[in-house]
Amino acid sequence: MVYTIEAKSIREARYKAVNLIRNKGKYTRDQRSEKVQYVKNVITSIDANNCELSEDPLTARQQIAFKNDLVNWVKTNYVYTYGTEAQEEDALNKTIELLKENPETRRAVIPLFKPRHVGEEDVPCMATLCFDVEDDALNETIFARSNEKAIAEQSDIYGLAELLKWIAEKDDFDAGNVVLHVVNAHVRINSEADLIKQILKEGF
């Protein structure tokens, strides 16, 4: 089964994803022994220009870093950051040049999940970024192995939308759509119970 969400804001995307999981999701315990509810294969599409910064400090924790450090991503105390993974072996700059030289390319791909991550404890949730140009607009498809929808989705979509807009500006394209394909979309039933209720109550 594949679920498709079209949203006009990150807030709407989050509401629809959490609502979907609560209504159709299965239950299990994750590798941290936390009870989760999940659905498989959720595809969310949103205009990159409609990806707003969250006002909630908890959900915006990584958004600020993306916005302020977009050009000069540096290593942090975290095991990984999407910025440093994207720049490894100059992949980000190579992708920018590739799109500039050949906008019709099907090879503008940046891997974020690397062989060294296999079997490790803290690994990237966003695995691959794929860029394509259509009608002079640069689009970004993100393939994710896993995505927590109540908290993490907001910072992931916002930050990677900022990356898309940054690349589009460098290559003189319009910013198009962000499409996030998540294999395992989930919420944490116990630790996020209050937030889940709040999301469903407030809607979008």
N, C-alpha and C. Protein backbone atom coordinates (compact mmCIF):
# COMPACT_ATOMS: atom_id res chain seq x y z
N MET A 1 0.84 -1.19 0.00
CA MET A 1 0.00 0.00 0.00
C MET A 1 0.88 1.25 0.00
N VAL A 2 0.51 2.23 -0.80
CA VAL A 2 1.21 3.50 -0.86
C VAL A 2 0.20 4.60 -0.55
N TYR A 3 0.59 5.49 0.37
CA TYR A 3 -0.28 6.61 0.75
C TYR A 3 0.33 7.90 0.22
N THR A 4 -0.51 8.75 -0.35
CA THR A 4 -0.05 10.01 -0.93
C THR A 4 -0.69 11.18 -0.20
N ILE A 5 0.14 12.12 0.20
CA ILE A 5 -0.32 13.34 0.88
C ILE A 5 0.11 14.54 0.06
N GLU A 6 -0.84 15.36 -0.33
CA GLU A 6 -0.53 16.64 -0.97
C GLU A 6 -0.87 17.73 0.02
N ALA A 7 0.08 18.62 0.28
CA ALA A 7 -0.12 19.63 1.31
C ALA A 7 0.34 21.00 0.82
N LYS A 8 -0.28 22.04 1.37
CA LYS A 8 0.08 23.41 1.03
C LYS A 8 0.96 24.05 2.10
N SER A 9 1.26 23.29 3.15
CA SER A 9 2.14 23.77 4.22
C SER A 9 2.69 22.56 4.96
N ILE A 10 3.77 22.77 5.69
CA ILE A 10 4.32 21.69 6.51
C ILE A 10 3.33 21.33 7.61
N ARG A 11 2.65 22.33 8.15
CA ARG A 11 1.64 22.08 9.19
C ARG A 11 0.56 21.13 8.68
N GLU A 12 0.10 21.36 7.45
CA GLU A 12 -0.91 20.48 6.86
C GLU A 12 -0.35 19.09 6.63
N ALA A 13 0.88 19.01 6.16
CA ALA A 13 1.51 17.71 5.91
C ALA A 13 1.62 16.92 7.20
N ARG A 14 2.02 17.58 8.28
CA ARG A 14 2.16 16.90 9.56
C ARG A 14 0.82 16.40 10.07
N TYR A 15 -0.19 17.25 10.00
CA TYR A 15 -1.52 16.83 10.46
C TYR A 15 -2.02 15.61 9.68
N LYS A 16 -1.91 15.67 8.36
CA LYS A 16 -2.41 14.57 7.54
C LYS A 16 -1.64 13.28 7.80
N ALA A 17 -0.33 13.39 8.00
CA ALA A 17 0.48 12.20 8.26
C ALA A 17 0.14 11.58 9.61
N VAL A 18 0.05 12.41 10.66
CA VAL A 18 -0.27 11.89 11.99
C VAL A 18 -1.68 11.29 12.00
N ASN A 19 -2.62 11.96 11.35
CA ASN A 19 -3.99 11.45 11.26
C ASN A 19 -4.03 10.10 10.54
N LEU A 20 -3.28 9.99 9.45
CA LEU A 20 -3.20 8.73 8.70
C LEU A 20 -2.65 7.61 9.58
N ILE A 21 -1.57 7.88 10.27
CA ILE A 21 -0.94 6.86 11.10
C ILE A 21 -1.86 6.41 12.23
N ARG A 22 -2.53 7.37 12.87
CA ARG A 22 -3.41 7.03 13.99
C ARG A 22 -4.62 6.24 13.55
N ASN A 23 -5.06 6.45 12.30
CA ASN A 23 -6.25 5.75 11.81
C ASN A 23 -5.96 4.42 11.12
N LYS A 24 -4.80 4.32 10.49
CA LYS A 24 -4.51 3.12 9.69
C LYS A 24 -3.25 2.38 10.12
N GLY A 25 -2.52 2.93 11.08
CA GLY A 25 -1.23 2.37 11.43
C GLY A 25 -1.27 1.10 12.25
N LYS A 26 -0.19 0.34 12.14
CA LYS A 26 0.01 -0.86 12.95
C LYS A 26 0.90 -0.49 14.14
N TYR A 27 0.92 -1.35 15.14
CA TYR A 27 1.70 -1.11 16.34
C TYR A 27 2.90 -2.06 16.40
N THR A 28 4.00 -1.53 16.94
CA THR A 28 5.17 -2.36 17.18
C THR A 28 6.06 -1.64 18.20
N ARG A 29 7.19 -2.25 18.53
CA ARG A 29 8.20 -1.58 19.34
C ARG A 29 9.44 -1.41 18.48
N ASP A 30 10.04 -0.23 18.55
CA ASP A 30 11.19 0.03 17.71
C ASP A 30 12.47 -0.46 18.38
N GLN A 31 13.62 -0.16 17.77
CA GLN A 31 14.90 -0.65 18.28
C GLN A 31 15.31 0.03 19.58
N ARG A 32 14.57 1.09 19.94
CA ARG A 32 14.78 1.73 21.24
C ARG A 32 13.79 1.21 22.29
N SER A 33 13.05 0.18 21.92
CA SER A 33 12.03 -0.44 22.79
C SER A 33 10.88 0.51 23.10
N GLU A 34 10.66 1.47 22.23
CA GLU A 34 9.55 2.40 22.42
C GLU A 34 8.37 1.97 21.54
N LYS A 35 7.18 2.08 22.09
CA LYS A 35 5.98 1.69 21.35
C LYS A 35 5.69 2.73 20.27
N VAL A 36 5.56 2.26 19.04
CA VAL A 36 5.28 3.16 17.92
C VAL A 36 4.10 2.64 17.12
N GLN A 37 3.47 3.56 16.41
CA GLN A 37 2.44 3.21 15.45
C GLN A 37 2.95 3.68 14.10
N TYR A 38 2.78 2.87 13.04
CA TYR A 38 3.42 3.20 11.78
C TYR A 38 2.58 2.79 10.58
N VAL A 39 2.85 3.40 9.44
CA VAL A 39 2.38 2.94 8.15
C VAL A 39 3.58 2.92 7.21
N LYS A 40 3.49 2.12 6.17
CA LYS A 40 4.59 2.00 5.21
C LYS A 40 4.29 2.81 3.96
N ASN A 41 5.34 3.37 3.39
CA ASN A 41 5.30 4.06 2.10
C ASN A 41 4.31 5.22 2.06
N VAL A 42 4.73 6.32 2.69
CA VAL A 42 3.97 7.57 2.66
C VAL A 42 4.73 8.57 1.80
N ILE A 43 4.07 9.11 0.79
CA ILE A 43 4.68 10.07 -0.13
C ILE A 43 4.00 11.42 0.07
N THR A 44 4.77 12.41 0.48
CA THR A 44 4.25 13.75 0.73
C THR A 44 4.82 14.72 -0.28
N SER A 45 3.95 15.51 -0.89
CA SER A 45 4.37 16.50 -1.88
C SER A 45 3.97 17.90 -1.40
N ILE A 46 4.91 18.84 -1.50
CA ILE A 46 4.66 20.20 -1.05
C ILE A 46 5.54 21.18 -1.83
N ASP A 47 5.00 22.34 -2.16
CA ASP A 47 5.76 23.38 -2.86
C ASP A 47 6.87 23.87 -1.93
N ALA A 48 8.09 23.90 -2.41
CA ALA A 48 9.22 24.31 -1.58
C ALA A 48 9.03 25.72 -1.03
N ASN A 49 8.32 26.57 -1.75
CA ASN A 49 8.10 27.94 -1.30
C ASN A 49 7.05 28.05 -0.21
N ASN A 50 6.37 26.95 0.08
CA ASN A 50 5.35 26.96 1.13
C ASN A 50 5.82 26.24 2.40
N CYS A 51 7.10 25.98 2.49
CA CYS A 51 7.64 25.25 3.65
C CYS A 51 8.06 26.24 4.73
N GLU A 52 7.18 26.40 5.71
CA GLU A 52 7.37 27.43 6.73
C GLU A 52 8.22 26.93 7.89
N LEU A 53 8.87 27.86 8.56
CA LEU A 53 9.65 27.56 9.75
C LEU A 53 8.71 27.39 10.94
N SER A 54 8.86 26.31 11.68
CA SER A 54 8.02 26.06 12.84
C SER A 54 8.30 27.07 13.94
N GLU A 55 7.24 27.47 14.65
CA GLU A 55 7.40 28.38 15.78
C GLU A 55 7.71 27.63 17.07
N ASP A 56 7.61 26.32 17.04
CA ASP A 56 7.85 25.48 18.21
C ASP A 56 9.35 25.20 18.33
N PRO A 57 10.00 25.62 19.41
CA PRO A 57 11.46 25.40 19.55
C PRO A 57 11.86 23.93 19.44
N LEU A 58 10.99 23.03 19.90
CA LEU A 58 11.31 21.60 19.85
C LEU A 58 11.38 21.12 18.41
N THR A 59 10.36 21.44 17.62
CA THR A 59 10.33 20.95 16.25
C THR A 59 11.22 21.76 15.32
N ALA A 60 11.64 22.94 15.77
CA ALA A 60 12.50 23.78 14.93
C ALA A 60 13.98 23.60 15.25
N ARG A 61 14.29 22.61 16.07
CA ARG A 61 15.65 22.49 16.59
C ARG A 61 16.69 22.39 15.49
N GLN A 62 16.35 21.74 14.39
CA GLN A 62 17.33 21.58 13.32
C GLN A 62 17.08 22.56 12.19
N GLN A 63 15.88 23.14 12.15
CA GLN A 63 15.56 24.07 11.08
C GLN A 63 16.48 25.28 11.10
N ILE A 64 16.74 25.79 12.29
CA ILE A 64 17.59 26.97 12.41
C ILE A 64 18.98 26.69 11.87
N ALA A 65 19.50 25.52 12.19
CA ALA A 65 20.84 25.16 11.72
C ALA A 65 20.88 25.10 10.20
N PHE A 66 19.84 24.54 9.59
CA PHE A 66 19.79 24.50 8.14
C PHE A 66 19.80 25.92 7.56
N LYS A 67 18.98 26.79 8.14
CA LYS A 67 18.82 28.12 7.58
C LYS A 67 20.09 28.96 7.73
N ASN A 68 20.70 28.90 8.89
CA ASN A 68 21.87 29.75 9.15
C ASN A 68 23.15 29.19 8.55
N ASP A 69 23.26 27.88 8.43
CA ASP A 69 24.51 27.26 8.02
C ASP A 69 24.43 26.59 6.65
N LEU A 70 23.49 27.07 5.83
CA LEU A 70 23.26 26.40 4.55
C LEU A 70 24.51 26.38 3.69
N VAL A 71 25.23 27.48 3.65
CA VAL A 71 26.40 27.56 2.79
C VAL A 71 27.62 26.92 3.45
N ASN A 72 27.75 27.12 4.75
CA ASN A 72 28.95 26.67 5.44
C ASN A 72 28.64 25.59 6.48
N TRP A 73 28.07 24.49 6.03
CA TRP A 73 27.82 23.39 6.94
C TRP A 73 29.14 22.88 7.51
N VAL A 74 29.19 22.68 8.80
CA VAL A 74 30.41 22.17 9.44
C VAL A 74 30.05 21.00 10.32
N LYS A 75 31.04 20.23 10.68
CA LYS A 75 30.82 19.10 11.56
C LYS A 75 30.42 19.60 12.95
N THR A 76 29.56 18.83 13.60
CA THR A 76 29.08 19.19 14.94
C THR A 76 29.35 18.02 15.87
N ASN A 77 28.80 18.09 17.07
CA ASN A 77 28.94 16.99 18.02
C ASN A 77 28.03 15.81 17.69
N TYR A 78 27.09 16.03 16.74
CA TYR A 78 26.21 14.94 16.33
C TYR A 78 26.99 13.92 15.52
N VAL A 79 26.50 12.68 15.50
CA VAL A 79 27.16 11.63 14.75
C VAL A 79 27.17 11.96 13.26
N TYR A 80 26.07 12.56 12.79
CA TYR A 80 25.99 12.96 11.38
C TYR A 80 25.13 14.21 11.28
N THR A 81 25.30 14.97 10.20
CA THR A 81 24.35 16.00 9.81
C THR A 81 24.12 15.82 8.31
N TYR A 82 22.95 16.19 7.85
CA TYR A 82 22.67 16.05 6.42
C TYR A 82 23.59 16.96 5.60
N GLY A 83 23.95 18.09 6.18
CA GLY A 83 24.84 19.01 5.47
C GLY A 83 26.20 18.42 5.20
N THR A 84 26.81 17.83 6.24
CA THR A 84 28.14 17.26 6.03
C THR A 84 28.08 16.02 5.14
N GLU A 85 27.01 15.23 5.26
CA GLU A 85 26.89 14.06 4.39
C GLU A 85 26.73 14.48 2.93
N ALA A 86 25.97 15.56 2.70
CA ALA A 86 25.74 16.03 1.33
C ALA A 86 27.00 16.57 0.70
N GLN A 87 27.92 17.07 1.52
CA GLN A 87 29.15 17.67 0.99
C GLN A 87 30.31 16.70 0.86
N GLU A 88 30.12 15.47 1.36
CA GLU A 88 31.21 14.50 1.31
C GLU A 88 31.62 14.24 -0.13
N GLU A 89 32.92 14.21 -0.35
CA GLU A 89 33.50 14.02 -1.68
C GLU A 89 32.99 15.05 -2.68
N ASP A 90 32.63 16.23 -2.14
CA ASP A 90 32.20 17.37 -2.96
C ASP A 90 30.92 17.09 -3.75
N ALA A 91 30.07 16.20 -3.22
CA ALA A 91 28.86 15.79 -3.94
C ALA A 91 27.91 16.96 -4.19
N LEU A 92 27.80 17.86 -3.22
CA LEU A 92 26.87 18.98 -3.37
C LEU A 92 27.30 19.89 -4.51
N ASN A 93 28.56 20.29 -4.52
CA ASN A 93 29.04 21.17 -5.59
C ASN A 93 29.00 20.49 -6.95
N LYS A 94 29.31 19.20 -6.98
CA LYS A 94 29.25 18.46 -8.25
C LYS A 94 27.83 18.43 -8.79
N THR A 95 26.86 18.29 -7.89
CA THR A 95 25.45 18.25 -8.30
C THR A 95 25.01 19.60 -8.84
N ILE A 96 25.44 20.66 -8.19
CA ILE A 96 25.12 22.01 -8.67
C ILE A 96 25.66 22.23 -10.07
N GLU A 97 26.89 21.82 -10.31
CA GLU A 97 27.50 21.98 -11.63
C GLU A 97 26.82 21.10 -12.67
N LEU A 98 26.47 19.89 -12.27
CA LEU A 98 25.81 18.96 -13.19
C LEU A 98 24.48 19.51 -13.67
N LEU A 99 23.69 20.04 -12.74
CA LEU A 99 22.39 20.62 -13.10
C LEU A 99 22.55 21.87 -13.96
N LYS A 100 23.61 22.62 -13.71
CA LYS A 100 23.85 23.83 -14.50
C LYS A 100 24.23 23.47 -15.93
N GLU A 101 25.07 22.46 -16.09
CA GLU A 101 25.54 22.06 -17.40
C GLU A 101 24.50 21.28 -18.19
N ASN A 102 23.69 20.48 -17.48
CA ASN A 102 22.71 19.63 -18.15
C ASN A 102 21.43 19.55 -17.32
N PRO A 103 20.53 20.52 -17.49
CA PRO A 103 19.30 20.54 -16.69
C PRO A 103 18.42 19.30 -16.88
N GLU A 104 18.62 18.57 -17.97
CA GLU A 104 17.80 17.39 -18.22
C GLU A 104 18.39 16.11 -17.61
N THR A 105 19.48 16.26 -16.87
CA THR A 105 20.14 15.08 -16.32
C THR A 105 19.22 14.29 -15.39
N ARG A 106 19.41 12.98 -15.39
CA ARG A 106 18.73 12.09 -14.44
C ARG A 106 19.72 11.57 -13.41
N ARG A 107 20.88 12.22 -13.32
CA ARG A 107 21.95 11.73 -12.45
C ARG A 107 22.28 12.68 -11.30
N ALA A 108 21.42 13.63 -11.04
CA ALA A 108 21.66 14.59 -9.96
C ALA A 108 21.20 13.99 -8.63
N VAL A 109 22.02 13.13 -8.08
CA VAL A 109 21.67 12.36 -6.88
C VAL A 109 22.76 12.55 -5.82
N ILE A 110 22.32 12.81 -4.59
CA ILE A 110 23.25 12.95 -3.48
C ILE A 110 22.90 11.91 -2.41
N PRO A 111 23.79 10.95 -2.15
CA PRO A 111 23.53 9.95 -1.10
C PRO A 111 23.84 10.53 0.28
N LEU A 112 22.93 10.34 1.21
CA LEU A 112 23.14 10.76 2.60
C LEU A 112 23.43 9.57 3.51
N PHE A 113 22.86 8.43 3.18
CA PHE A 113 23.12 7.19 3.93
C PHE A 113 24.24 6.45 3.22
N LYS A 114 25.36 6.30 3.91
CA LYS A 114 26.57 5.74 3.30
C LYS A 114 26.82 4.31 3.79
N PRO A 115 27.67 3.54 3.11
CA PRO A 115 27.97 2.18 3.57
C PRO A 115 28.45 2.11 5.01
N ARG A 116 29.16 3.13 5.46
CA ARG A 116 29.67 3.10 6.83
C ARG A 116 28.55 3.18 7.87
N HIS A 117 27.36 3.62 7.46
CA HIS A 117 26.25 3.75 8.40
C HIS A 117 25.56 2.41 8.69
N VAL A 118 25.75 1.45 7.79
CA VAL A 118 25.04 0.17 7.94
C VAL A 118 25.43 -0.51 9.25
N GLY A 119 24.42 -0.85 10.04
CA GLY A 119 24.64 -1.55 11.30
C GLY A 119 24.96 -0.65 12.48
N GLU A 120 25.10 0.67 12.25
CA GLU A 120 25.39 1.60 13.34
C GLU A 120 24.10 1.99 14.07
N GLU A 121 24.26 2.61 15.24
CA GLU A 121 23.11 2.97 16.06
C GLU A 121 22.45 4.26 15.55
N ASP A 122 23.22 5.31 15.37
CA ASP A 122 22.69 6.59 14.90
C ASP A 122 23.02 6.77 13.43
N VAL A 123 22.01 6.66 12.61
CA VAL A 123 22.20 6.72 11.15
C VAL A 123 21.20 7.69 10.54
N PRO A 124 21.50 8.24 9.37
CA PRO A 124 20.59 9.19 8.73
C PRO A 124 19.23 8.56 8.41
N CYS A 125 18.18 9.30 8.70
CA CYS A 125 16.82 8.87 8.32
C CYS A 125 16.58 9.18 6.84
N MET A 126 17.04 10.36 6.42
CA MET A 126 16.94 10.72 5.00
C MET A 126 18.10 10.04 4.29
N ALA A 127 17.80 9.21 3.31
CA ALA A 127 18.83 8.37 2.70
C ALA A 127 19.41 8.93 1.40
N THR A 128 18.56 9.51 0.56
CA THR A 128 18.99 9.94 -0.76
C THR A 128 18.22 11.17 -1.21
N LEU A 129 18.90 12.10 -1.86
CA LEU A 129 18.27 13.26 -2.49
C LEU A 129 18.42 13.13 -3.99
N CYS A 130 17.33 13.34 -4.72
CA CYS A 130 17.37 13.27 -6.18
C CYS A 130 16.74 14.56 -6.73
N PHE A 131 17.47 15.25 -7.59
CA PHE A 131 17.00 16.53 -8.14
C PHE A 131 16.67 16.37 -9.62
N ASP A 132 15.60 17.05 -10.05
CA ASP A 132 15.25 17.04 -11.47
C ASP A 132 14.63 18.38 -11.84
N VAL A 133 14.79 18.76 -13.09
CA VAL A 133 14.28 20.03 -13.58
C VAL A 133 13.12 19.77 -14.54
N GLU A 134 12.03 20.49 -14.31
CA GLU A 134 10.88 20.42 -15.21
C GLU A 134 10.27 21.81 -15.33
N ASP A 135 10.10 22.26 -16.57
CA ASP A 135 9.53 23.60 -16.83
C ASP A 135 10.30 24.68 -16.08
N ASP A 136 11.62 24.59 -16.12
CA ASP A 136 12.52 25.57 -15.49
C ASP A 136 12.40 25.62 -13.96
N ALA A 137 11.81 24.61 -13.36
CA ALA A 137 11.73 24.53 -11.90
C ALA A 137 12.51 23.32 -11.42
N LEU A 138 13.29 23.52 -10.37
CA LEU A 138 14.07 22.44 -9.78
C LEU A 138 13.25 21.76 -8.70
N ASN A 139 13.08 20.45 -8.83
CA ASN A 139 12.34 19.64 -7.86
C ASN A 139 13.31 18.75 -7.10
N GLU A 140 12.88 18.32 -5.92
CA GLU A 140 13.71 17.48 -5.08
C GLU A 140 12.88 16.31 -4.55
N THR A 141 13.33 15.11 -4.83
CA THR A 141 12.71 13.92 -4.26
C THR A 141 13.63 13.37 -3.19
N ILE A 142 13.08 13.17 -2.00
CA ILE A 142 13.84 12.68 -0.85
C ILE A 142 13.36 11.27 -0.53
N PHE A 143 14.29 10.33 -0.49
CA PHE A 143 13.95 8.96 -0.09
C PHE A 143 14.41 8.75 1.34
N ALA A 144 13.47 8.38 2.21
CA ALA A 144 13.78 8.22 3.62
C ALA A 144 13.48 6.80 4.07
N ARG A 145 14.41 6.22 4.83
CA ARG A 145 14.16 4.88 5.36
C ARG A 145 13.12 4.94 6.47
N SER A 146 13.07 6.08 7.20
CA SER A 146 12.23 6.21 8.38
C SER A 146 12.00 7.70 8.65
N ASN A 147 10.82 8.04 9.18
CA ASN A 147 10.56 9.44 9.52
C ASN A 147 9.52 9.52 10.60
N GLU A 148 9.88 10.20 11.69
CA GLU A 148 8.95 10.42 12.80
C GLU A 148 8.14 11.66 12.46
N LYS A 149 6.81 11.53 12.41
CA LYS A 149 5.97 12.56 11.81
C LYS A 149 5.52 13.66 12.76
N ALA A 150 5.49 13.42 14.05
CA ALA A 150 5.00 14.44 14.97
C ALA A 150 6.03 15.55 15.20
N ILE A 151 7.31 15.19 15.20
CA ILE A 151 8.37 16.16 15.50
C ILE A 151 9.34 16.32 14.32
N ALA A 152 9.99 15.25 13.93
CA ALA A 152 11.13 15.34 13.02
C ALA A 152 10.77 15.76 11.61
N GLU A 153 9.57 15.39 11.12
CA GLU A 153 9.23 15.69 9.74
C GLU A 153 9.35 17.18 9.42
N GLN A 154 8.94 18.02 10.37
CA GLN A 154 8.95 19.46 10.10
C GLN A 154 10.35 19.97 9.79
N SER A 155 11.32 19.60 10.62
CA SER A 155 12.68 20.09 10.40
C SER A 155 13.29 19.47 9.15
N ASP A 156 12.95 18.22 8.88
CA ASP A 156 13.50 17.55 7.70
C ASP A 156 13.00 18.22 6.42
N ILE A 157 11.68 18.41 6.32
CA ILE A 157 11.12 19.02 5.10
C ILE A 157 11.60 20.46 4.96
N TYR A 158 11.54 21.22 6.04
CA TYR A 158 11.95 22.63 5.95
C TYR A 158 13.42 22.75 5.54
N GLY A 159 14.28 22.03 6.21
CA GLY A 159 15.70 22.15 5.93
C GLY A 159 16.04 21.74 4.51
N LEU A 160 15.45 20.65 4.03
CA LEU A 160 15.77 20.18 2.69
C LEU A 160 15.08 21.03 1.62
N ALA A 161 13.98 21.70 1.98
CA ALA A 161 13.39 22.68 1.06
C ALA A 161 14.30 23.89 0.94
N GLU A 162 14.92 24.30 2.05
CA GLU A 162 15.88 25.40 1.99
C GLU A 162 17.07 25.04 1.11
N LEU A 163 17.50 23.79 1.20
CA LEU A 163 18.59 23.33 0.33
C LEU A 163 18.18 23.41 -1.13
N LEU A 164 16.96 22.95 -1.43
CA LEU A 164 16.45 23.00 -2.81
C LEU A 164 16.45 24.44 -3.32
N LYS A 165 15.95 25.38 -2.52
CA LYS A 165 15.86 26.77 -2.95
C LYS A 165 17.26 27.36 -3.16
N TRP A 166 18.19 26.94 -2.31
CA TRP A 166 19.57 27.43 -2.42
C TRP A 166 20.21 26.96 -3.71
N ILE A 167 20.05 25.67 -4.03
CA ILE A 167 20.60 25.13 -5.28
C ILE A 167 19.91 25.77 -6.48
N ALA A 168 18.59 25.93 -6.41
CA ALA A 168 17.83 26.52 -7.52
C ALA A 168 18.33 27.93 -7.82
N GLU A 169 18.60 28.70 -6.78
CA GLU A 169 19.10 30.07 -6.98
C GLU A 169 20.46 30.06 -7.63
N LYS A 170 21.33 29.14 -7.20
CA LYS A 170 22.67 29.07 -7.78
C LYS A 170 22.63 28.70 -9.27
N ASP A 171 21.66 27.87 -9.64
CA ASP A 171 21.58 27.40 -11.02
C ASP A 171 20.55 28.15 -11.85
N ASP A 172 19.98 29.22 -11.27
CA ASP A 172 19.03 30.07 -11.98
C ASP A 172 17.77 29.33 -12.38
N PHE A 173 17.25 28.47 -11.49
CA PHE A 173 15.96 27.82 -11.67
C PHE A 173 14.97 28.39 -10.66
N ASP A 174 13.70 28.18 -10.95
CA ASP A 174 12.69 28.40 -9.92
C ASP A 174 12.73 27.22 -8.96
N ALA A 175 12.27 27.42 -7.74
CA ALA A 175 12.17 26.32 -6.78
C ALA A 175 10.82 25.63 -7.00
N GLY A 176 10.86 24.31 -7.18
CA GLY A 176 9.65 23.55 -7.45
C GLY A 176 9.13 22.82 -6.23
N ASN A 177 8.86 21.54 -6.39
CA ASN A 177 8.26 20.74 -5.33
C ASN A 177 9.28 19.92 -4.56
N VAL A 178 8.97 19.70 -3.29
CA VAL A 178 9.67 18.73 -2.47
C VAL A 178 8.76 17.52 -2.34
N VAL A 179 9.29 16.35 -2.68
CA VAL A 179 8.53 15.10 -2.54
C VAL A 179 9.30 14.20 -1.59
N LEU A 180 8.67 13.86 -0.49
CA LEU A 180 9.30 13.02 0.53
C LEU A 180 8.65 11.65 0.54
N HIS A 181 9.43 10.62 0.19
CA HIS A 181 8.95 9.23 0.21
C HIS A 181 9.56 8.53 1.41
N VAL A 182 8.68 8.17 2.34
CA VAL A 182 9.13 7.55 3.59
C VAL A 182 8.70 6.08 3.62
N VAL A 183 9.65 5.18 3.84
CA VAL A 183 9.34 3.75 3.92
C VAL A 183 8.57 3.44 5.20
N ASN A 184 9.04 3.97 6.33
CA ASN A 184 8.37 3.73 7.61
C ASN A 184 8.05 5.09 8.24
N ALA A 185 6.77 5.47 8.17
CA ALA A 185 6.31 6.73 8.77
C ALA A 185 5.65 6.40 10.10
N HIS A 186 6.09 7.05 11.18
CA HIS A 186 5.62 6.61 12.49
C HIS A 186 5.49 7.76 13.48
N VAL A 187 4.79 7.46 14.57
CA VAL A 187 4.74 8.34 15.74
C VAL A 187 5.02 7.48 16.97
N ARG A 188 5.53 8.12 18.02
CA ARG A 188 5.82 7.41 19.26
C ARG A 188 4.61 7.57 20.20
N ILE A 189 3.98 6.46 20.49
CA ILE A 189 2.68 6.47 21.16
C ILE A 189 2.74 7.06 22.57
N ASN A 190 3.74 6.71 23.34
CA ASN A 190 3.78 7.14 24.74
C ASN A 190 4.43 8.52 24.90
N SER A 191 5.65 8.67 24.44
CA SER A 191 6.38 9.91 24.69
C SER A 191 5.79 11.10 23.93
N GLU A 192 5.06 10.85 22.86
CA GLU A 192 4.50 11.94 22.07
C GLU A 192 2.99 12.04 22.18
N ALA A 193 2.40 11.39 23.16
CA ALA A 193 0.94 11.31 23.27
C ALA A 193 0.29 12.69 23.30
N ASP A 194 0.81 13.59 24.12
CA ASP A 194 0.22 14.93 24.25
C ASP A 194 0.36 15.73 22.95
N LEU A 195 1.53 15.62 22.32
CA LEU A 195 1.75 16.34 21.07
C LEU A 195 0.84 15.81 19.97
N ILE A 196 0.67 14.51 19.91
CA ILE A 196 -0.22 13.91 18.91
C ILE A 196 -1.64 14.44 19.07
N LYS A 197 -2.14 14.48 20.30
CA LYS A 197 -3.47 15.01 20.57
C LYS A 197 -3.58 16.46 20.15
N GLN A 198 -2.54 17.23 20.43
CA GLN A 198 -2.54 18.65 20.08
C GLN A 198 -2.59 18.83 18.56
N ILE A 199 -1.79 18.05 17.83
CA ILE A 199 -1.76 18.14 16.36
C ILE A 199 -3.13 17.83 15.77
N LEU A 200 -3.75 16.77 16.26
CA LEU A 200 -5.05 16.37 15.71
C LEU A 200 -6.15 17.35 16.10
N LYS A 201 -6.03 17.96 17.26
CA LYS A 201 -7.03 18.94 17.71
C LYS A 201 -6.93 20.25 16.93
N GLU A 202 -5.72 20.71 16.72
CA GLU A 202 -5.52 22.01 16.05
C GLU A 202 -5.71 21.94 14.55
N GLY A 203 -5.46 20.78 13.94
CA GLY A 203 -5.61 20.65 12.49
C GLY A 203 -4.63 21.53 11.74
N PHE A 204 -5.07 22.10 10.64
CA PHE A 204 -4.18 22.96 9.85
C PHE A 204 -4.92 24.14 9.27
